[in-house]
Amino acid sequence: MAAEDLNSKVSEVFEQQEEKPEVLECHRVGVQKEDASRPVKVTLSSSDTVGQVLGESRQLRTTDRFSCMVISRDPTVEERNARKKLVMELKQKRENEPGLYHFIRNGSP
């Protein structure tokens, strides 16, 4: 997909939200596979705009065209490392206590 086409699709999503943020960059993430969609990473000009877009992202679920779309922020390296540690702890608990149901809630297994 051409960069212009991706930019126009991103703009279309923001128009559905009635937002017109300044998009600094947008590109697909990951390796292209047959019959699989890839996430799009979008960099906006200000954190205030990001907050507005994220706050209104649930409205997309009510539309037919964007009902399967999810908008979320990209976690920081520290957040990814903390999540990885929690998942490792969760796997250990599941291995040690297989009869119990374990999950991660509010940052702790």
PDB file of N, CA and C in Angstrom:
ATOM      1  N   MET A   1       0.846  -1.173   0.000  1.00  0.00           N
ATOM      2  CA  MET A   1       0.000   0.000   0.000  1.00  0.00           C
ATOM      3  C   MET A   1       0.894   1.239   0.000  1.00  0.00           C
ATOM      4  N   ALA A   2       0.589   2.183  -0.825  1.00  0.00           N
ATOM      5  CA  ALA A   2       1.378   3.395  -0.931  1.00  0.00           C
ATOM      6  C   ALA A   2       1.196   4.246   0.316  1.00  0.00           C
ATOM      7  N   ALA A   3       2.224   5.061   0.597  1.00  0.00           N
ATOM      8  CA  ALA A   3       2.184   5.909   1.786  1.00  0.00           C
ATOM      9  C   ALA A   3       1.019   6.894   1.726  1.00  0.00           C
ATOM     10  N   GLU A   4       0.719   7.415   0.508  1.00  0.00           N
ATOM     11  CA  GLU A   4      -0.381   8.364   0.379  1.00  0.00           C
ATOM     12  C   GLU A   4      -1.708   7.695   0.728  1.00  0.00           C
ATOM     13  N   ASP A   5      -1.860   6.456   0.294  1.00  0.00           N
ATOM     14  CA  ASP A   5      -3.090   5.724   0.571  1.00  0.00           C
ATOM     15  C   ASP A   5      -3.244   5.488   2.074  1.00  0.00           C
ATOM     16  N   LEU A   6      -2.167   5.137   2.749  1.00  0.00           N
ATOM     17  CA  LEU A   6      -2.201   4.925   4.193  1.00  0.00           C
ATOM     18  C   LEU A   6      -2.547   6.236   4.903  1.00  0.00           C
ATOM     19  N   ASN A   7      -1.931   7.328   4.476  1.00  0.00           N
ATOM     20  CA  ASN A   7      -2.236   8.636   5.066  1.00  0.00           C
ATOM     21  C   ASN A   7      -3.701   8.990   4.893  1.00  0.00           C
ATOM     22  N   SER A   8      -4.257   8.702   3.726  1.00  0.00           N
ATOM     23  CA  SER A   8      -5.666   9.030   3.502  1.00  0.00           C
ATOM     24  C   SER A   8      -6.575   8.163   4.366  1.00  0.00           C
ATOM     25  N   LYS A   9      -6.202   6.901   4.578  1.00  0.00           N
ATOM     26  CA  LYS A   9      -7.009   6.030   5.440  1.00  0.00           C
ATOM     27  C   LYS A   9      -6.956   6.494   6.891  1.00  0.00           C
ATOM     28  N   VAL A  10      -5.782   6.922   7.341  1.00  0.00           N
ATOM     29  CA  VAL A  10      -5.647   7.440   8.704  1.00  0.00           C
ATOM     30  C   VAL A  10      -6.481   8.711   8.849  1.00  0.00           C
ATOM     31  N   SER A  11      -6.430   9.576   7.847  1.00  0.00           N
ATOM     32  CA  SER A  11      -7.232  10.806   7.877  1.00  0.00           C
ATOM     33  C   SER A  11      -8.720  10.493   7.911  1.00  0.00           C
ATOM     34  N   GLU A  12      -9.122   9.457   7.212  1.00  0.00           N
ATOM     35  CA  GLU A  12     -10.524   9.043   7.194  1.00  0.00           C
ATOM     36  C   GLU A  12     -10.995   8.623   8.593  1.00  0.00           C
ATOM     37  N   VAL A  13     -10.135   7.922   9.309  1.00  0.00           N
ATOM     38  CA  VAL A  13     -10.473   7.504  10.677  1.00  0.00           C
ATOM     39  C   VAL A  13     -10.654   8.731  11.564  1.00  0.00           C
ATOM     40  N   PHE A  14      -9.731   9.686  11.455  1.00  0.00           N
ATOM     41  CA  PHE A  14      -9.837  10.894  12.275  1.00  0.00           C
ATOM     42  C   PHE A  14     -11.054  11.723  11.901  1.00  0.00           C
ATOM     43  N   GLU A  15     -11.411  11.758  10.632  1.00  0.00           N
ATOM     44  CA  GLU A  15     -12.610  12.476  10.213  1.00  0.00           C
ATOM     45  C   GLU A  15     -13.856  11.847  10.826  1.00  0.00           C
ATOM     46  N   GLN A  16     -13.858  10.523  10.934  1.00  0.00           N
ATOM     47  CA  GLN A  16     -14.995   9.832  11.562  1.00  0.00           C
ATOM     48  C   GLN A  16     -15.131  10.258  13.019  1.00  0.00           C
ATOM     49  N   GLN A  17     -13.989  10.545  13.648  1.00  0.00           N
ATOM     50  CA  GLN A  17     -13.993  11.008  15.039  1.00  0.00           C
ATOM     51  C   GLN A  17     -14.199  12.514  15.139  1.00  0.00           C
ATOM     52  N   GLU A  18     -14.335  13.177  14.000  1.00  0.00           N
ATOM     53  CA  GLU A  18     -14.464  14.627  13.934  1.00  0.00           C
ATOM     54  C   GLU A  18     -13.247  15.324  14.531  1.00  0.00           C
ATOM     55  N   GLU A  19     -12.076  14.761  14.259  1.00  0.00           N
ATOM     56  CA  GLU A  19     -10.800  15.325  14.684  1.00  0.00           C
ATOM     57  C   GLU A  19      -9.957  15.601  13.443  1.00  0.00           C
ATOM     58  N   LYS A  20      -9.093  16.587  13.528  1.00  0.00           N
ATOM     59  CA  LYS A  20      -8.161  16.859  12.438  1.00  0.00           C
ATOM     60  C   LYS A  20      -6.778  17.107  13.033  1.00  0.00           C
ATOM     61  N   PRO A  21      -6.174  16.081  13.632  1.00  0.00           N
ATOM     62  CA  PRO A  21      -4.857  16.273  14.243  1.00  0.00           C
ATOM     63  C   PRO A  21      -3.772  16.368  13.180  1.00  0.00           C
ATOM     64  N   GLU A  22      -2.665  16.969  13.573  1.00  0.00           N
ATOM     65  CA  GLU A  22      -1.506  17.038  12.677  1.00  0.00           C
ATOM     66  C   GLU A  22      -0.740  15.722  12.801  1.00  0.00           C
ATOM     67  N   VAL A  23      -0.738  14.946  11.720  1.00  0.00           N
ATOM     68  CA  VAL A  23      -0.055  13.657  11.702  1.00  0.00           C
ATOM     69  C   VAL A  23       1.379  13.887  11.252  1.00  0.00           C
ATOM     70  N   LEU A  24       2.341  13.585  12.128  1.00  0.00           N
ATOM     71  CA  LEU A  24       3.748  13.745  11.777  1.00  0.00           C
ATOM     72  C   LEU A  24       4.256  12.568  10.961  1.00  0.00           C
ATOM     73  N   GLU A  25       3.765  11.371  11.300  1.00  0.00           N
ATOM     74  CA  GLU A  25       4.244  10.167  10.621  1.00  0.00           C
ATOM     75  C   GLU A  25       3.221   9.054  10.806  1.00  0.00           C
ATOM     76  N   CYS A  26       3.105   8.189   9.797  1.00  0.00           N
ATOM     77  CA  CYS A  26       2.314   6.977   9.955  1.00  0.00           C
ATOM     78  C   CYS A  26       2.902   5.893   9.057  1.00  0.00           C
ATOM     79  N   HIS A  27       3.022   4.708   9.618  1.00  0.00           N
ATOM     80  CA  HIS A  27       3.558   3.575   8.867  1.00  0.00           C
ATOM     81  C   HIS A  27       3.058   2.270   9.478  1.00  0.00           C
ATOM     82  N   ARG A  28       3.064   1.226   8.677  1.00  0.00           N
ATOM     83  CA  ARG A  28       2.662  -0.101   9.144  1.00  0.00           C
ATOM     84  C   ARG A  28       3.792  -0.722   9.951  1.00  0.00           C
ATOM     85  N   VAL A  29       3.412  -1.541  10.929  1.00  0.00           N
ATOM     86  CA  VAL A  29       4.369  -2.197  11.813  1.00  0.00           C
ATOM     87  C   VAL A  29       4.304  -3.696  11.549  1.00  0.00           C
ATOM     88  N   GLY A  30       5.450  -4.364  11.589  1.00  0.00           N
ATOM     89  CA  GLY A  30       5.474  -5.818  11.438  1.00  0.00           C
ATOM     90  C   GLY A  30       5.722  -6.254  10.014  1.00  0.00           C
ATOM     91  N   VAL A  31       5.689  -7.561   9.833  1.00  0.00           N
ATOM     92  CA  VAL A  31       5.960  -8.178   8.544  1.00  0.00           C
ATOM     93  C   VAL A  31       4.639  -8.465   7.838  1.00  0.00           C
ATOM     94  N   GLN A  32       4.597  -8.149   6.562  1.00  0.00           N
ATOM     95  CA  GLN A  32       3.379  -8.386   5.789  1.00  0.00           C
ATOM     96  C   GLN A  32       3.182  -9.875   5.570  1.00  0.00           C
ATOM     97  N   LYS A  33       1.977 -10.360   5.923  1.00  0.00           N
ATOM     98  CA  LYS A  33       1.615 -11.760   5.734  1.00  0.00           C
ATOM     99  C   LYS A  33       0.316 -11.821   4.958  1.00  0.00           C
ATOM    100  N   GLU A  34       0.133 -12.909   4.239  1.00  0.00           N
ATOM    101  CA  GLU A  34      -1.092 -13.075   3.473  1.00  0.00           C
ATOM    102  C   GLU A  34      -2.282 -13.221   4.422  1.00  0.00           C
ATOM    103  N   ASP A  35      -3.364 -12.572   4.100  1.00  0.00           N
ATOM    104  CA  ASP A  35      -4.616 -12.646   4.865  1.00  0.00           C
ATOM    105  C   ASP A  35      -4.473 -12.183   6.315  1.00  0.00           C
ATOM    106  N   ALA A  36      -3.580 -11.236   6.570  1.00  0.00           N
ATOM    107  CA  ALA A  36      -3.430 -10.706   7.924  1.00  0.00           C
ATOM    108  C   ALA A  36      -3.250  -9.197   7.856  1.00  0.00           C
ATOM    109  N   SER A  37      -3.939  -8.499   8.725  1.00  0.00           N
ATOM    110  CA  SER A  37      -3.764  -7.049   8.771  1.00  0.00           C
ATOM    111  C   SER A  37      -2.636  -6.712   9.742  1.00  0.00           C
ATOM    112  N   ARG A  38      -2.019  -5.574   9.510  1.00  0.00           N
ATOM    113  CA  ARG A  38      -0.936  -5.134  10.379  1.00  0.00           C
ATOM    114  C   ARG A  38      -1.314  -3.819  11.049  1.00  0.00           C
ATOM    115  N   PRO A  39      -0.808  -3.595  12.246  1.00  0.00           N
ATOM    116  CA  PRO A  39      -1.101  -2.331  12.921  1.00  0.00           C
ATOM    117  C   PRO A  39      -0.445  -1.152  12.200  1.00  0.00           C
ATOM    118  N   VAL A  40      -1.006   0.011  12.419  1.00  0.00           N
ATOM    119  CA  VAL A  40      -0.447   1.244  11.882  1.00  0.00           C
ATOM    120  C   VAL A  40      -0.011   2.101  13.058  1.00  0.00           C
ATOM    121  N   LYS A  41       1.239   2.538  13.030  1.00  0.00           N
ATOM    122  CA  LYS A  41       1.739   3.426  14.073  1.00  0.00           C
ATOM    123  C   LYS A  41       1.635   4.851  13.556  1.00  0.00           C
ATOM    124  N   VAL A  42       0.930   5.687  14.314  1.00  0.00           N
ATOM    125  CA  VAL A  42       0.707   7.078  13.926  1.00  0.00           C
ATOM    126  C   VAL A  42       1.323   7.976  14.988  1.00  0.00           C
ATOM    127  N   THR A  43       2.141   8.925  14.560  1.00  0.00           N
ATOM    128  CA  THR A  43       2.751   9.893  15.458  1.00  0.00           C
ATOM    129  C   THR A  43       2.058  11.230  15.254  1.00  0.00           C
ATOM    130  N   LEU A  44       1.505  11.775  16.343  1.00  0.00           N
ATOM    131  CA  LEU A  44       0.790  13.047  16.278  1.00  0.00           C
ATOM    132  C   LEU A  44       1.654  14.162  16.847  1.00  0.00           C
ATOM    133  N   SER A  45       1.262  15.389  16.567  1.00  0.00           N
ATOM    134  CA  SER A  45       2.079  16.548  16.915  1.00  0.00           C
ATOM    135  C   SER A  45       2.082  16.893  18.403  1.00  0.00           C
ATOM    136  N   SER A  46       1.010  16.582  19.128  1.00  0.00           N
ATOM    137  CA  SER A  46       0.982  16.952  20.546  1.00  0.00           C
ATOM    138  C   SER A  46       0.320  15.870  21.386  1.00  0.00           C
ATOM    139  N   SER A  47       0.707  15.821  22.639  1.00  0.00           N
ATOM    140  CA  SER A  47       0.139  14.827  23.548  1.00  0.00           C
ATOM    141  C   SER A  47      -1.311  15.156  23.887  1.00  0.00           C
ATOM    142  N   ASP A  48      -1.687  16.437  23.829  1.00  0.00           N
ATOM    143  CA  ASP A  48      -3.088  16.811  24.062  1.00  0.00           C
ATOM    144  C   ASP A  48      -3.981  16.200  22.986  1.00  0.00           C
ATOM    145  N   THR A  49      -3.513  16.258  21.752  1.00  0.00           N
ATOM    146  CA  THR A  49      -4.265  15.685  20.635  1.00  0.00           C
ATOM    147  C   THR A  49      -4.385  14.187  20.799  1.00  0.00           C
ATOM    148  N   VAL A  50      -3.308  13.546  21.240  1.00  0.00           N
ATOM    149  CA  VAL A  50      -3.334  12.102  21.469  1.00  0.00           C
ATOM    150  C   VAL A  50      -4.412  11.763  22.488  1.00  0.00           C
ATOM    151  N   GLY A  51      -4.475  12.528  23.565  1.00  0.00           N
ATOM    152  CA  GLY A  51      -5.490  12.297  24.590  1.00  0.00           C
ATOM    153  C   GLY A  51      -6.904  12.424  24.049  1.00  0.00           C
ATOM    154  N   GLN A  52      -7.129  13.424  23.201  1.00  0.00           N
ATOM    155  CA  GLN A  52      -8.454  13.603  22.605  1.00  0.00           C
ATOM    156  C   GLN A  52      -8.816  12.433  21.703  1.00  0.00           C
ATOM    157  N   VAL A  53      -7.870  12.012  20.865  1.00  0.00           N
ATOM    158  CA  VAL A  53      -8.126  10.907  19.933  1.00  0.00           C
ATOM    159  C   VAL A  53      -8.399   9.621  20.697  1.00  0.00           C
ATOM    160  N   LEU A  54      -7.594   9.348  21.717  1.00  0.00           N
ATOM    161  CA  LEU A  54      -7.794   8.136  22.512  1.00  0.00           C
ATOM    162  C   LEU A  54      -9.127   8.189  23.258  1.00  0.00           C
ATOM    163  N   GLY A  55      -9.483   9.353  23.755  1.00  0.00           N
ATOM    164  CA  GLY A  55     -10.739   9.490  24.492  1.00  0.00           C
ATOM    165  C   GLY A  55     -11.961   9.243  23.630  1.00  0.00           C
ATOM    166  N   GLU A  56     -11.864   9.597  22.372  1.00  0.00           N
ATOM    167  CA  GLU A  56     -13.004   9.447  21.471  1.00  0.00           C
ATOM    168  C   GLU A  56     -12.934   8.172  20.634  1.00  0.00           C
ATOM    169  N   SER A  57     -11.947   7.346  20.871  1.00  0.00           N
ATOM    170  CA  SER A  57     -11.744   6.166  20.037  1.00  0.00           C
ATOM    171  C   SER A  57     -12.868   5.134  20.177  1.00  0.00           C
ATOM    172  N   ARG A  58     -13.569   5.128  21.280  1.00  0.00           N
ATOM    173  CA  ARG A  58     -14.660   4.162  21.469  1.00  0.00           C
ATOM    174  C   ARG A  58     -15.829   4.429  20.520  1.00  0.00           C
ATOM    175  N   GLN A  59     -15.934   5.668  20.052  1.00  0.00           N
ATOM    176  CA  GLN A  59     -17.008   6.002  19.112  1.00  0.00           C
ATOM    177  C   GLN A  59     -16.876   5.226  17.813  1.00  0.00           C
ATOM    178  N   LEU A  60     -15.665   4.827  17.466  1.00  0.00           N
ATOM    179  CA  LEU A  60     -15.455   4.074  16.224  1.00  0.00           C
ATOM    180  C   LEU A  60     -16.160   2.731  16.268  1.00  0.00           C
ATOM    181  N   ARG A  61     -16.311   2.162  17.441  1.00  0.00           N
ATOM    182  CA  ARG A  61     -16.965   0.860  17.584  1.00  0.00           C
ATOM    183  C   ARG A  61     -18.422   0.885  17.148  1.00  0.00           C
ATOM    184  N   THR A  62     -19.020   2.061  17.173  1.00  0.00           N
ATOM    185  CA  THR A  62     -20.429   2.167  16.806  1.00  0.00           C
ATOM    186  C   THR A  62     -20.637   2.294  15.297  1.00  0.00           C
ATOM    187  N   THR A  63     -19.564   2.478  14.543  1.00  0.00           N
ATOM    188  CA  THR A  63     -19.683   2.596  13.092  1.00  0.00           C
ATOM    189  C   THR A  63     -19.491   1.232  12.448  1.00  0.00           C
ATOM    190  N   ASP A  64     -20.125   1.030  11.306  1.00  0.00           N
ATOM    191  CA  ASP A  64     -19.985  -0.242  10.601  1.00  0.00           C
ATOM    192  C   ASP A  64     -18.583  -0.409  10.027  1.00  0.00           C
ATOM    193  N   ARG A  65     -18.044   0.652   9.480  1.00  0.00           N
ATOM    194  CA  ARG A  65     -16.760   0.554   8.782  1.00  0.00           C
ATOM    195  C   ARG A  65     -15.585   0.327   9.721  1.00  0.00           C
ATOM    196  N   PHE A  66     -15.607   0.959  10.881  1.00  0.00           N
ATOM    197  CA  PHE A  66     -14.469   0.895  11.798  1.00  0.00           C
ATOM    198  C   PHE A  66     -14.772   0.114  13.074  1.00  0.00           C
ATOM    199  N   SER A  67     -15.769  -0.752  13.057  1.00  0.00           N
ATOM    200  CA  SER A  67     -16.188  -1.448  14.275  1.00  0.00           C
ATOM    201  C   SER A  67     -15.123  -2.389  14.836  1.00  0.00           C
ATOM    202  N   CYS A  68     -14.222  -2.868  14.001  1.00  0.00           N
ATOM    203  CA  CYS A  68     -13.175  -3.794  14.468  1.00  0.00           C
ATOM    204  C   CYS A  68     -11.858  -3.085  14.767  1.00  0.00           C
ATOM    205  N   MET A  69     -11.832  -1.782  14.639  1.00  0.00           N
ATOM    206  CA  MET A  69     -10.593  -1.024  14.818  1.00  0.00           C
ATOM    207  C   MET A  69     -10.379  -0.686  16.288  1.00  0.00           C
ATOM    208  N   VAL A  70      -9.131  -0.772  16.718  1.00  0.00           N
ATOM    209  CA  VAL A  70      -8.761  -0.422  18.082  1.00  0.00           C
ATOM    210  C   VAL A  70      -7.679   0.640  18.010  1.00  0.00           C
ATOM    211  N   ILE A  71      -7.831   1.703  18.784  1.00  0.00           N
ATOM    212  CA  ILE A  71      -6.809   2.744  18.868  1.00  0.00           C
ATOM    213  C   ILE A  71      -6.260   2.721  20.278  1.00  0.00           C
ATOM    214  N   SER A  72      -4.950   2.594  20.396  1.00  0.00           N
ATOM    215  CA  SER A  72      -4.310   2.597  21.709  1.00  0.00           C
ATOM    216  C   SER A  72      -2.953   3.263  21.596  1.00  0.00           C
ATOM    217  N   ARG A  73      -2.425   3.662  22.721  1.00  0.00           N
ATOM    218  CA  ARG A  73      -1.109   4.287  22.691  1.00  0.00           C
ATOM    219  C   ARG A  73      -0.033   3.215  22.720  1.00  0.00           C
ATOM    220  N   ASP A  74       1.134   3.566  22.239  1.00  0.00           N
ATOM    221  CA  ASP A  74       2.260   2.649  22.199  1.00  0.00           C
ATOM    222  C   ASP A  74       2.934   2.657  23.574  1.00  0.00           C
ATOM    223  N   PRO A  75       3.092   1.492  24.211  1.00  0.00           N
ATOM    224  CA  PRO A  75       3.726   1.495  25.538  1.00  0.00           C
ATOM    225  C   PRO A  75       5.210   1.851  25.449  1.00  0.00           C
ATOM    226  N   THR A  76       5.705   2.448  26.533  1.00  0.00           N
ATOM    227  CA  THR A  76       7.124   2.785  26.593  1.00  0.00           C
ATOM    228  C   THR A  76       7.937   1.505  26.799  1.00  0.00           C
ATOM    229  N   VAL A  77       9.242   1.615  26.671  1.00  0.00           N
ATOM    230  CA  VAL A  77      10.124   0.461  26.868  1.00  0.00           C
ATOM    231  C   VAL A  77       9.978  -0.062  28.294  1.00  0.00           C
ATOM    232  N   GLU A  78       9.877   0.839  29.263  1.00  0.00           N
ATOM    233  CA  GLU A  78       9.727   0.426  30.659  1.00  0.00           C
ATOM    234  C   GLU A  78       8.404  -0.324  30.863  1.00  0.00           C
ATOM    235  N   GLU A  79       7.340   0.175  30.244  1.00  0.00           N
ATOM    236  CA  GLU A  79       6.041  -0.481  30.360  1.00  0.00           C
ATOM    237  C   GLU A  79       6.051  -1.863  29.715  1.00  0.00           C
ATOM    238  N   ARG A  80       6.723  -1.981  28.574  1.00  0.00           N
ATOM    239  CA  ARG A  80       6.823  -3.293  27.919  1.00  0.00           C
ATOM    240  C   ARG A  80       7.619  -4.267  28.778  1.00  0.00           C
ATOM    241  N   ASN A  81       8.706  -3.792  29.389  1.00  0.00           N
ATOM    242  CA  ASN A  81       9.510  -4.658  30.252  1.00  0.00           C
ATOM    243  C   ASN A  81       8.733  -5.080  31.496  1.00  0.00           C
ATOM    244  N   ALA A  82       7.977  -4.150  32.072  1.00  0.00           N
ATOM    245  CA  ALA A  82       7.170  -4.485  33.248  1.00  0.00           C
ATOM    246  C   ALA A  82       6.099  -5.511  32.886  1.00  0.00           C
ATOM    247  N   ARG A  83       5.472  -5.340  31.731  1.00  0.00           N
ATOM    248  CA  ARG A  83       4.446  -6.293  31.282  1.00  0.00           C
ATOM    249  C   ARG A  83       5.052  -7.675  31.050  1.00  0.00           C
ATOM    250  N   LYS A  84       6.233  -7.696  30.451  1.00  0.00           N
ATOM    251  CA  LYS A  84       6.928  -8.960  30.189  1.00  0.00           C
ATOM    252  C   LYS A  84       7.225  -9.689  31.506  1.00  0.00           C
ATOM    253  N   LYS A  85       7.645  -8.925  32.513  1.00  0.00           N
ATOM    254  CA  LYS A  85       7.928  -9.514  33.821  1.00  0.00           C
ATOM    255  C   LYS A  85       6.653 -10.092  34.442  1.00  0.00           C
ATOM    256  N   LEU A  86       5.544  -9.349  34.327  1.00  0.00           N
ATOM    257  CA  LEU A  86       4.272  -9.837  34.857  1.00  0.00           C
ATOM    258  C   LEU A  86       3.820 -11.118  34.165  1.00  0.00           C
ATOM    259  N   VAL A  87       3.998 -11.188  32.863  1.00  0.00           N
ATOM    260  CA  VAL A  87       3.602 -12.385  32.122  1.00  0.00           C
ATOM    261  C   VAL A  87       4.451 -13.579  32.550  1.00  0.00           C
ATOM    262  N   MET A  88       5.737 -13.346  32.778  1.00  0.00           N
ATOM    263  CA  MET A  88       6.605 -14.433  33.239  1.00  0.00           C
ATOM    264  C   MET A  88       6.164 -14.924  34.615  1.00  0.00           C
ATOM    265  N   GLU A  89       5.807 -13.992  35.522  1.00  0.00           N
ATOM    266  CA  GLU A  89       5.314 -14.367  36.847  1.00  0.00           C
ATOM    267  C   GLU A  89       4.007 -15.145  36.737  1.00  0.00           C
ATOM    268  N   LEU A  90       3.139 -14.698  35.844  1.00  0.00           N
ATOM    269  CA  LEU A  90       1.863 -15.374  35.635  1.00  0.00           C
ATOM    270  C   LEU A  90       2.075 -16.804  35.151  1.00  0.00           C
ATOM    271  N   LYS A  91       2.967 -16.996  34.197  1.00  0.00           N
ATOM    272  CA  LYS A  91       3.262 -18.342  33.698  1.00  0.00           C
ATOM    273  C   LYS A  91       3.802 -19.231  34.805  1.00  0.00           C
ATOM    274  N   GLN A  92       4.647 -18.673  35.660  1.00  0.00           N
ATOM    275  CA  GLN A  92       5.209 -19.432  36.776  1.00  0.00           C
ATOM    276  C   GLN A  92       4.103 -19.853  37.746  1.00  0.00           C
ATOM    277  N   LYS A  93       3.194 -18.943  38.067  1.00  0.00           N
ATOM    278  CA  LYS A  93       2.082 -19.274  38.970  1.00  0.00           C
ATOM    279  C   LYS A  93       1.186 -20.349  38.370  1.00  0.00           C
ATOM    280  N   ARG A  94       0.909 -20.247  37.079  1.00  0.00           N
ATOM    281  CA  ARG A  94       0.073 -21.252  36.423  1.00  0.00           C
ATOM    282  C   ARG A  94       0.746 -22.616  36.426  1.00  0.00           C
ATOM    283  N   GLU A  95       2.048 -22.609  36.296  1.00  0.00           N
ATOM    284  CA  GLU A  95       2.802 -23.865  36.309  1.00  0.00           C
ATOM    285  C   GLU A  95       2.823 -24.467  37.718  1.00  0.00           C
ATOM    286  N   ASN A  96       2.990 -23.630  38.744  1.00  0.00           N
ATOM    287  CA  ASN A  96       3.071 -24.091  40.127  1.00  0.00           C
ATOM    288  C   ASN A  96       1.713 -24.478  40.707  1.00  0.00           C
ATOM    289  N   GLU A  97       0.650 -23.811  40.256  1.00  0.00           N
ATOM    290  CA  GLU A  97      -0.694 -24.059  40.775  1.00  0.00           C
ATOM    291  C   GLU A  97      -1.665 -24.269  39.607  1.00  0.00           C
ATOM    292  N   PRO A  98      -1.586 -25.421  38.938  1.00  0.00           N
ATOM    293  CA  PRO A  98      -2.389 -25.628  37.731  1.00  0.00           C
ATOM    294  C   PRO A  98      -3.894 -25.710  37.968  1.00  0.00           C
ATOM    295  N   GLY A  99      -4.342 -25.990  39.150  1.00  0.00           N
ATOM    296  CA  GLY A  99      -5.762 -26.117  39.422  1.00  0.00           C
ATOM    297  C   GLY A  99      -6.467 -24.783  39.646  1.00  0.00           C
ATOM    298  N   LEU A 100      -5.692 -23.710  39.778  1.00  0.00           N
ATOM    299  CA  LEU A 100      -6.272 -22.400  40.050  1.00  0.00           C
ATOM    300  C   LEU A 100      -6.269 -21.531  38.792  1.00  0.00           C
ATOM    301  N   TYR A 101      -7.133 -20.549  38.781  1.00  0.00           N
ATOM    302  CA  TYR A 101      -7.224 -19.611  37.661  1.00  0.00           C
ATOM    303  C   TYR A 101      -6.411 -18.369  38.010  1.00  0.00           C
ATOM    304  N   HIS A 102      -5.396 -18.069  37.214  1.00  0.00           N
ATOM    305  CA  HIS A 102      -4.535 -16.904  37.459  1.00  0.00           C
ATOM    306  C   HIS A 102      -4.668 -15.926  36.289  1.00  0.00           C
ATOM    307  N   PHE A 103      -4.609 -14.637  36.593  1.00  0.00           N
ATOM    308  CA  PHE A 103      -4.677 -13.598  35.566  1.00  0.00           C
ATOM    309  C   PHE A 103      -3.984 -12.346  36.070  1.00  0.00           C
ATOM    310  N   ILE A 104      -3.761 -11.384  35.175  1.00  0.00           N
ATOM    311  CA  ILE A 104      -3.133 -10.125  35.535  1.00  0.00           C
ATOM    312  C   ILE A 104      -4.239  -9.079  35.660  1.00  0.00           C
ATOM    313  N   ARG A 105      -4.296  -8.423  36.813  1.00  0.00           N
ATOM    314  CA  ARG A 105      -5.269  -7.372  37.049  1.00  0.00           C
ATOM    315  C   ARG A 105      -4.553  -6.198  37.716  1.00  0.00           C
ATOM    316  N   ASN A 106      -4.719  -5.016  37.141  1.00  0.00           N
ATOM    317  CA  ASN A 106      -4.138  -3.792  37.685  1.00  0.00           C
ATOM    318  C   ASN A 106      -2.633  -3.914  37.942  1.00  0.00           C
ATOM    319  N   GLY A 107      -1.939  -4.580  37.049  1.00  0.00           N
ATOM    320  CA  GLY A 107      -0.492  -4.640  37.130  1.00  0.00           C
ATOM    321  C   GLY A 107       0.082  -5.672  38.078  1.00  0.00           C
ATOM    322  N   SER A 108      -0.705  -6.639  38.528  1.00  0.00           N
ATOM    323  CA  SER A 108      -0.140  -7.700  39.361  1.00  0.00           C
ATOM    324  C   SER A 108      -0.842  -9.030  39.047  1.00  0.00           C
ATOM    325  N   PRO A 109      -0.031 -10.118  39.010  1.00  0.00           N
ATOM    326  CA  PRO A 109      -0.628 -11.440  38.733  1.00  0.00           C
ATOM    327  C   PRO A 109      -1.327 -12.020  39.941  1.00  0.00           C
TER     328      PRO A 109
END
